[in-house]
Amino acid sequence: MNVPAITLSARTPARQAALRMEDAAVGSVLITEADRLLGIITDRDLVVRCLAQGADPDTPVSELMSAPVTTVDVTDDIADAYRTFRRCGVRRLPVLDGHRLVGVLTVDDLFLDVFQHLADLLGPVAWTVLKEPPGDGATELMAAAPTTRRG
Protein backbone atom coordinates (compact mmCIF):
# COMPACT_ATOMS: atom_id res chain seq x y z
CA MET A 1 0.00 0.00 0.00
CA ASN A 2 1.04 3.58 -0.52
CA VAL A 3 1.74 5.43 2.70
CA PRO A 4 0.90 8.15 3.38
CA ALA A 5 -2.10 8.58 1.13
CA ILE A 6 -2.36 11.90 -0.69
CA THR A 7 -5.21 13.83 0.92
CA LEU A 8 -7.00 17.15 0.61
CA SER A 9 -9.81 18.81 2.52
CA ALA A 10 -13.35 18.90 1.13
CA ARG A 11 -13.10 22.67 0.57
CA THR A 12 -10.10 22.38 -1.77
CA PRO A 13 -10.80 23.80 -5.25
CA ALA A 14 -10.77 21.36 -8.18
CA ARG A 15 -7.87 23.23 -9.79
CA GLN A 16 -5.78 22.74 -6.64
CA ALA A 17 -6.66 19.02 -6.59
CA ALA A 18 -5.43 18.68 -10.17
CA LEU A 19 -2.18 20.46 -9.31
CA ARG A 20 -1.69 18.21 -6.27
CA MET A 21 -2.19 15.10 -8.41
CA GLU A 22 0.31 16.38 -10.94
CA ASP A 23 2.83 17.25 -8.22
CA ALA A 24 2.51 13.83 -6.55
CA ALA A 25 2.26 11.94 -9.88
CA VAL A 26 -0.96 10.21 -8.81
CA GLY A 27 -4.36 9.76 -10.41
CA SER A 28 -6.46 10.31 -7.32
CA VAL A 29 -6.61 12.15 -4.02
CA LEU A 30 -8.52 11.11 -0.93
CA ILE A 31 -10.75 13.73 0.63
CA THR A 32 -10.52 13.83 4.41
CA GLU A 33 -11.38 15.93 7.40
CA ALA A 34 -9.47 15.28 10.63
CA ASP A 35 -8.17 11.89 9.35
CA ARG A 36 -11.73 10.79 8.53
CA LEU A 37 -12.29 9.68 4.94
CA LEU A 38 -15.09 11.55 3.16
CA GLY A 39 -14.55 10.65 -0.48
CA ILE A 40 -12.17 10.26 -3.37
CA ILE A 41 -11.57 12.38 -6.45
CA THR A 42 -9.78 11.03 -9.49
CA ASP A 43 -8.29 12.65 -12.55
CA ARG A 44 -11.26 11.23 -14.47
CA ASP A 45 -13.70 12.89 -12.03
CA LEU A 46 -12.00 16.22 -12.68
CA VAL A 47 -12.40 15.78 -16.43
CA VAL A 48 -15.93 14.34 -16.51
CA ARG A 49 -17.56 16.14 -13.57
CA CYS A 50 -15.77 19.47 -13.79
CA LEU A 51 -14.13 20.22 -17.12
CA ALA A 52 -16.69 18.49 -19.39
CA GLN A 53 -19.60 20.06 -17.49
CA GLY A 54 -18.13 23.55 -17.71
CA ALA A 55 -17.88 23.83 -13.93
CA ASP A 56 -15.74 26.51 -12.35
CA PRO A 57 -12.19 25.24 -11.63
CA ASP A 58 -12.65 26.66 -8.14
CA THR A 59 -15.53 24.26 -7.43
CA PRO A 60 -14.86 22.49 -4.11
CA VAL A 61 -13.83 18.85 -4.51
CA SER A 62 -16.69 17.90 -2.17
CA GLU A 63 -19.05 18.63 -5.09
CA LEU A 64 -17.09 16.44 -7.50
CA MET A 65 -15.82 13.54 -5.38
CA SER A 66 -17.19 10.02 -5.24
CA ALA A 67 -18.67 9.06 -1.88
CA PRO A 68 -19.02 6.79 -0.04
CA VAL A 69 -15.73 5.11 -0.76
CA THR A 70 -15.15 1.36 -0.81
CA THR A 71 -12.37 0.60 1.68
CA VAL A 72 -10.46 -2.24 3.29
CA ASP A 73 -9.33 -2.52 6.88
CA VAL A 74 -5.66 -2.54 7.80
CA THR A 75 -6.16 -6.02 9.30
CA ASP A 76 -7.72 -7.47 6.11
CA ASP A 77 -5.82 -10.17 4.25
CA ILE A 78 -4.52 -9.47 0.73
CA ALA A 79 -7.07 -12.01 -0.55
CA ASP A 80 -9.81 -9.77 0.89
CA ALA A 81 -8.41 -6.87 -1.11
CA TYR A 82 -8.40 -8.96 -4.31
CA ARG A 83 -12.04 -9.93 -3.72
CA THR A 84 -13.02 -6.32 -3.00
CA PHE A 85 -11.35 -5.05 -6.17
CA ARG A 86 -13.06 -7.78 -8.21
CA ARG A 87 -16.49 -7.27 -6.59
CA CYS A 88 -16.54 -3.46 -6.73
CA GLY A 89 -14.64 -2.71 -9.92
CA VAL A 90 -12.61 0.11 -8.37
CA ARG A 91 -8.91 0.82 -8.97
CA ARG A 92 -8.07 2.21 -5.53
CA LEU A 93 -8.92 1.06 -2.02
CA PRO A 94 -8.25 3.35 0.90
CA VAL A 95 -6.95 1.40 3.89
CA LEU A 96 -8.49 2.26 7.25
CA ASP A 97 -7.52 1.53 10.83
CA GLY A 98 -10.93 1.93 12.42
CA HIS A 99 -12.00 5.27 10.94
CA ARG A 100 -8.45 6.59 10.52
CA LEU A 101 -6.98 6.60 7.01
CA VAL A 102 -3.57 4.90 6.94
CA GLY A 103 -2.87 4.43 3.21
CA VAL A 104 -4.23 3.42 -0.16
CA LEU A 105 -3.93 0.14 -2.04
CA THR A 106 -4.13 0.27 -5.83
CA VAL A 107 -4.68 -2.25 -8.58
CA ASP A 108 -1.09 -1.50 -9.62
CA ASP A 109 0.08 -2.65 -6.18
CA LEU A 110 -1.69 -5.96 -6.75
CA PHE A 111 -0.15 -6.29 -10.22
CA LEU A 112 3.26 -5.97 -8.57
CA ASP A 113 2.25 -8.65 -6.08
CA VAL A 114 1.18 -10.99 -8.88
CA PHE A 115 4.37 -10.34 -10.85
CA GLN A 116 6.46 -11.05 -7.75
CA HIS A 117 4.66 -14.37 -7.23
CA LEU A 118 5.25 -15.27 -10.89
CA ALA A 119 8.92 -14.37 -10.58
CA ASP A 120 9.14 -16.53 -7.44
CA LEU A 121 7.63 -19.46 -9.35
CA LEU A 122 9.50 -18.98 -12.62
CA GLY A 123 12.87 -18.05 -11.13
CA PRO A 124 14.00 -21.62 -10.40
CA VAL A 125 12.78 -22.77 -13.81
CA ALA A 126 14.68 -19.97 -15.55
CA TRP A 127 17.87 -20.84 -13.65
CA THR A 128 17.51 -24.47 -14.68
CA VAL A 129 17.20 -23.46 -18.33
CA LEU A 130 20.22 -21.20 -18.03
CA LYS A 131 22.29 -24.00 -16.47
CA GLU A 132 21.13 -26.60 -19.00
CA PRO A 133 20.20 -24.82 -22.20
CA PRO A 134 17.75 -26.76 -24.32
CA GLY A 135 19.08 -28.38 -27.48
CA ASP A 136 17.88 -27.64 -30.95
CA GLY A 137 14.30 -28.81 -30.49
CA ALA A 138 13.55 -29.15 -34.18
CA THR A 139 16.55 -31.44 -34.78
CA GLU A 140 15.69 -33.58 -31.75
CA LEU A 141 12.05 -33.90 -32.84
CA MET A 142 13.03 -34.89 -36.38
CA ALA A 143 15.47 -37.51 -35.12
CA ALA A 144 12.87 -39.04 -32.78
CA ALA A 145 9.98 -39.02 -35.28
CA PRO A 146 9.36 -42.18 -37.30
CA THR A 147 9.88 -41.75 -41.00
CA THR A 148 7.16 -42.56 -43.47
CA ARG A 149 7.33 -42.95 -47.22
CA ARG A 150 4.80 -41.54 -49.50
CA GLY A 151 4.46 -43.02 -52.80
C-alpha atoms as a PDB file:
ATOM      1  CA  MET A   1       0.000   0.000   0.000  1.00  0.00           C
ATOM      2  CA  ASN A   2       1.043   3.579  -0.518  1.00  0.00           C
ATOM      3  CA  VAL A   3       1.739   5.430   2.703  1.00  0.00           C
ATOM      4  CA  PRO A   4       0.903   8.147   3.376  1.00  0.00           C
ATOM      5  CA  ALA A   5      -2.099   8.581   1.127  1.00  0.00           C
ATOM      6  CA  ILE A   6      -2.356  11.902  -0.685  1.00  0.00           C
ATOM      7  CA  THR A   7      -5.208  13.828   0.920  1.00  0.00           C
ATOM      8  CA  LEU A   8      -7.005  17.148   0.610  1.00  0.00           C
ATOM      9  CA  SER A   9      -9.810  18.814   2.516  1.00  0.00           C
ATOM     10  CA  ALA A  10     -13.349  18.899   1.134  1.00  0.00           C
ATOM     11  CA  ARG A  11     -13.100  22.670   0.570  1.00  0.00           C
ATOM     12  CA  THR A  12     -10.103  22.379  -1.771  1.00  0.00           C
ATOM     13  CA  PRO A  13     -10.801  23.803  -5.252  1.00  0.00           C
ATOM     14  CA  ALA A  14     -10.768  21.355  -8.181  1.00  0.00           C
ATOM     15  CA  ARG A  15      -7.871  23.234  -9.788  1.00  0.00           C
ATOM     16  CA  GLN A  16      -5.780  22.736  -6.637  1.00  0.00           C
ATOM     17  CA  ALA A  17      -6.656  19.018  -6.586  1.00  0.00           C
ATOM     18  CA  ALA A  18      -5.425  18.680 -10.173  1.00  0.00           C
ATOM     19  CA  LEU A  19      -2.179  20.459  -9.307  1.00  0.00           C
ATOM     20  CA  ARG A  20      -1.689  18.213  -6.268  1.00  0.00           C
ATOM     21  CA  MET A  21      -2.192  15.099  -8.412  1.00  0.00           C
ATOM     22  CA  GLU A  22       0.313  16.385 -10.935  1.00  0.00           C
ATOM     23  CA  ASP A  23       2.830  17.248  -8.224  1.00  0.00           C
ATOM     24  CA  ALA A  24       2.507  13.826  -6.548  1.00  0.00           C
ATOM     25  CA  ALA A  25       2.262  11.939  -9.878  1.00  0.00           C
ATOM     26  CA  VAL A  26      -0.958  10.206  -8.812  1.00  0.00           C
ATOM     27  CA  GLY A  27      -4.361   9.759 -10.413  1.00  0.00           C
ATOM     28  CA  SER A  28      -6.463  10.314  -7.316  1.00  0.00           C
ATOM     29  CA  VAL A  29      -6.606  12.150  -4.022  1.00  0.00           C
ATOM     30  CA  LEU A  30      -8.524  11.107  -0.933  1.00  0.00           C
ATOM     31  CA  ILE A  31     -10.748  13.733   0.625  1.00  0.00           C
ATOM     32  CA  THR A  32     -10.521  13.829   4.410  1.00  0.00           C
ATOM     33  CA  GLU A  33     -11.380  15.934   7.404  1.00  0.00           C
ATOM     34  CA  ALA A  34      -9.474  15.279  10.634  1.00  0.00           C
ATOM     35  CA  ASP A  35      -8.174  11.893   9.350  1.00  0.00           C
ATOM     36  CA  ARG A  36     -11.731  10.794   8.525  1.00  0.00           C
ATOM     37  CA  LEU A  37     -12.295   9.677   4.936  1.00  0.00           C
ATOM     38  CA  LEU A  38     -15.090  11.550   3.163  1.00  0.00           C
ATOM     39  CA  GLY A  39     -14.552  10.647  -0.476  1.00  0.00           C
ATOM     40  CA  ILE A  40     -12.167  10.264  -3.373  1.00  0.00           C
ATOM     41  CA  ILE A  41     -11.566  12.382  -6.448  1.00  0.00           C
ATOM     42  CA  THR A  42      -9.783  11.028  -9.492  1.00  0.00           C
ATOM     43  CA  ASP A  43      -8.286  12.650 -12.548  1.00  0.00           C
ATOM     44  CA  ARG A  44     -11.259  11.232 -14.468  1.00  0.00           C
ATOM     45  CA  ASP A  45     -13.696  12.886 -12.028  1.00  0.00           C
ATOM     46  CA  LEU A  46     -12.003  16.218 -12.678  1.00  0.00           C
ATOM     47  CA  VAL A  47     -12.400  15.779 -16.433  1.00  0.00           C
ATOM     48  CA  VAL A  48     -15.933  14.339 -16.506  1.00  0.00           C
ATOM     49  CA  ARG A  49     -17.558  16.144 -13.571  1.00  0.00           C
ATOM     50  CA  CYS A  50     -15.774  19.466 -13.787  1.00  0.00           C
ATOM     51  CA  LEU A  51     -14.134  20.219 -17.122  1.00  0.00           C
ATOM     52  CA  ALA A  52     -16.693  18.491 -19.390  1.00  0.00           C
ATOM     53  CA  GLN A  53     -19.595  20.059 -17.494  1.00  0.00           C
ATOM     54  CA  GLY A  54     -18.131  23.548 -17.713  1.00  0.00           C
ATOM     55  CA  ALA A  55     -17.879  23.825 -13.926  1.00  0.00           C
ATOM     56  CA  ASP A  56     -15.742  26.506 -12.349  1.00  0.00           C
ATOM     57  CA  PRO A  57     -12.188  25.237 -11.627  1.00  0.00           C
ATOM     58  CA  ASP A  58     -12.650  26.659  -8.136  1.00  0.00           C
ATOM     59  CA  THR A  59     -15.532  24.260  -7.426  1.00  0.00           C
ATOM     60  CA  PRO A  60     -14.856  22.490  -4.109  1.00  0.00           C
ATOM     61  CA  VAL A  61     -13.832  18.848  -4.511  1.00  0.00           C
ATOM     62  CA  SER A  62     -16.689  17.898  -2.170  1.00  0.00           C
ATOM     63  CA  GLU A  63     -19.051  18.630  -5.086  1.00  0.00           C
ATOM     64  CA  LEU A  64     -17.091  16.440  -7.500  1.00  0.00           C
ATOM     65  CA  MET A  65     -15.822  13.541  -5.382  1.00  0.00           C
ATOM     66  CA  SER A  66     -17.185  10.016  -5.240  1.00  0.00           C
ATOM     67  CA  ALA A  67     -18.671   9.061  -1.883  1.00  0.00           C
ATOM     68  CA  PRO A  68     -19.020   6.794  -0.038  1.00  0.00           C
ATOM     69  CA  VAL A  69     -15.725   5.108  -0.764  1.00  0.00           C
ATOM     70  CA  THR A  70     -15.150   1.360  -0.807  1.00  0.00           C
ATOM     71  CA  THR A  71     -12.370   0.601   1.677  1.00  0.00           C
ATOM     72  CA  VAL A  72     -10.459  -2.240   3.288  1.00  0.00           C
ATOM     73  CA  ASP A  73      -9.327  -2.516   6.875  1.00  0.00           C
ATOM     74  CA  VAL A  74      -5.657  -2.536   7.802  1.00  0.00           C
ATOM     75  CA  THR A  75      -6.159  -6.022   9.295  1.00  0.00           C
ATOM     76  CA  ASP A  76      -7.721  -7.469   6.114  1.00  0.00           C
ATOM     77  CA  ASP A  77      -5.816 -10.171   4.254  1.00  0.00           C
ATOM     78  CA  ILE A  78      -4.521  -9.467   0.732  1.00  0.00           C
ATOM     79  CA  ALA A  79      -7.065 -12.013  -0.549  1.00  0.00           C
ATOM     80  CA  ASP A  80      -9.811  -9.768   0.893  1.00  0.00           C
ATOM     81  CA  ALA A  81      -8.410  -6.866  -1.110  1.00  0.00           C
ATOM     82  CA  TYR A  82      -8.398  -8.964  -4.309  1.00  0.00           C
ATOM     83  CA  ARG A  83     -12.036  -9.930  -3.716  1.00  0.00           C
ATOM     84  CA  THR A  84     -13.020  -6.320  -2.995  1.00  0.00           C
ATOM     85  CA  PHE A  85     -11.345  -5.050  -6.169  1.00  0.00           C
ATOM     86  CA  ARG A  86     -13.056  -7.775  -8.210  1.00  0.00           C
ATOM     87  CA  ARG A  87     -16.490  -7.266  -6.593  1.00  0.00           C
ATOM     88  CA  CYS A  88     -16.537  -3.463  -6.731  1.00  0.00           C
ATOM     89  CA  GLY A  89     -14.639  -2.705  -9.923  1.00  0.00           C
ATOM     90  CA  VAL A  90     -12.608   0.113  -8.371  1.00  0.00           C
ATOM     91  CA  ARG A  91      -8.909   0.817  -8.970  1.00  0.00           C
ATOM     92  CA  ARG A  92      -8.071   2.214  -5.535  1.00  0.00           C
ATOM     93  CA  LEU A  93      -8.919   1.059  -2.018  1.00  0.00           C
ATOM     94  CA  PRO A  94      -8.250   3.348   0.902  1.00  0.00           C
ATOM     95  CA  VAL A  95      -6.952   1.400   3.889  1.00  0.00           C
ATOM     96  CA  LEU A  96      -8.492   2.259   7.253  1.00  0.00           C
ATOM     97  CA  ASP A  97      -7.518   1.525  10.828  1.00  0.00           C
ATOM     98  CA  GLY A  98     -10.932   1.927  12.419  1.00  0.00           C
ATOM     99  CA  HIS A  99     -12.002   5.273  10.944  1.00  0.00           C
ATOM    100  CA  ARG A 100      -8.454   6.594  10.517  1.00  0.00           C
ATOM    101  CA  LEU A 101      -6.980   6.602   7.008  1.00  0.00           C
ATOM    102  CA  VAL A 102      -3.571   4.901   6.936  1.00  0.00           C
ATOM    103  CA  GLY A 103      -2.874   4.433   3.214  1.00  0.00           C
ATOM    104  CA  VAL A 104      -4.226   3.421  -0.157  1.00  0.00           C
ATOM    105  CA  LEU A 105      -3.928   0.137  -2.035  1.00  0.00           C
ATOM    106  CA  THR A 106      -4.126   0.274  -5.830  1.00  0.00           C
ATOM    107  CA  VAL A 107      -4.675  -2.249  -8.583  1.00  0.00           C
ATOM    108  CA  ASP A 108      -1.090  -1.501  -9.624  1.00  0.00           C
ATOM    109  CA  ASP A 109       0.085  -2.653  -6.176  1.00  0.00           C
ATOM    110  CA  LEU A 110      -1.692  -5.965  -6.749  1.00  0.00           C
ATOM    111  CA  PHE A 111      -0.147  -6.287 -10.217  1.00  0.00           C
ATOM    112  CA  LEU A 112       3.260  -5.967  -8.575  1.00  0.00           C
ATOM    113  CA  ASP A 113       2.252  -8.651  -6.076  1.00  0.00           C
ATOM    114  CA  VAL A 114       1.178 -10.992  -8.879  1.00  0.00           C
ATOM    115  CA  PHE A 115       4.374 -10.342 -10.853  1.00  0.00           C
ATOM    116  CA  GLN A 116       6.463 -11.052  -7.752  1.00  0.00           C
ATOM    117  CA  HIS A 117       4.658 -14.366  -7.234  1.00  0.00           C
ATOM    118  CA  LEU A 118       5.248 -15.273 -10.890  1.00  0.00           C
ATOM    119  CA  ALA A 119       8.918 -14.374 -10.577  1.00  0.00           C
ATOM    120  CA  ASP A 120       9.142 -16.532  -7.440  1.00  0.00           C
ATOM    121  CA  LEU A 121       7.630 -19.463  -9.354  1.00  0.00           C
ATOM    122  CA  LEU A 122       9.499 -18.978 -12.616  1.00  0.00           C
ATOM    123  CA  GLY A 123      12.872 -18.047 -11.127  1.00  0.00           C
ATOM    124  CA  PRO A 124      13.996 -21.618 -10.402  1.00  0.00           C
ATOM    125  CA  VAL A 125      12.779 -22.774 -13.813  1.00  0.00           C
ATOM    126  CA  ALA A 126      14.676 -19.971 -15.545  1.00  0.00           C
ATOM    127  CA  TRP A 127      17.869 -20.837 -13.654  1.00  0.00           C
ATOM    128  CA  THR A 128      17.509 -24.474 -14.682  1.00  0.00           C
ATOM    129  CA  VAL A 129      17.203 -23.455 -18.331  1.00  0.00           C
ATOM    130  CA  LEU A 130      20.219 -21.202 -18.032  1.00  0.00           C
ATOM    131  CA  LYS A 131      22.293 -24.002 -16.474  1.00  0.00           C
ATOM    132  CA  GLU A 132      21.134 -26.596 -18.997  1.00  0.00           C
ATOM    133  CA  PRO A 133      20.198 -24.819 -22.203  1.00  0.00           C
ATOM    134  CA  PRO A 134      17.754 -26.757 -24.318  1.00  0.00           C
ATOM    135  CA  GLY A 135      19.076 -28.384 -27.477  1.00  0.00           C
ATOM    136  CA  ASP A 136      17.882 -27.643 -30.954  1.00  0.00           C
ATOM    137  CA  GLY A 137      14.298 -28.814 -30.487  1.00  0.00           C
ATOM    138  CA  ALA A 138      13.551 -29.149 -34.182  1.00  0.00           C
ATOM    139  CA  THR A 139      16.548 -31.444 -34.775  1.00  0.00           C
ATOM    140  CA  GLU A 140      15.685 -33.577 -31.753  1.00  0.00           C
ATOM    141  CA  LEU A 141      12.051 -33.899 -32.838  1.00  0.00           C
ATOM    142  CA  MET A 142      13.026 -34.894 -36.378  1.00  0.00           C
ATOM    143  CA  ALA A 143      15.472 -37.513 -35.115  1.00  0.00           C
ATOM    144  CA  ALA A 144      12.866 -39.038 -32.782  1.00  0.00           C
ATOM    145  CA  ALA A 145       9.983 -39.018 -35.279  1.00  0.00           C
ATOM    146  CA  PRO A 146       9.357 -42.182 -37.304  1.00  0.00           C
ATOM    147  CA  THR A 147       9.880 -41.750 -41.000  1.00  0.00           C
ATOM    148  CA  THR A 148       7.158 -42.563 -43.471  1.00  0.00           C
ATOM    149  CA  ARG A 149       7.329 -42.952 -47.223  1.00  0.00           C
ATOM    150  CA  ARG A 150       4.800 -41.541 -49.502  1.00  0.00           C
ATOM    151  CA  GLY A 151       4.464 -43.024 -52.799  1.00  0.00           C
END
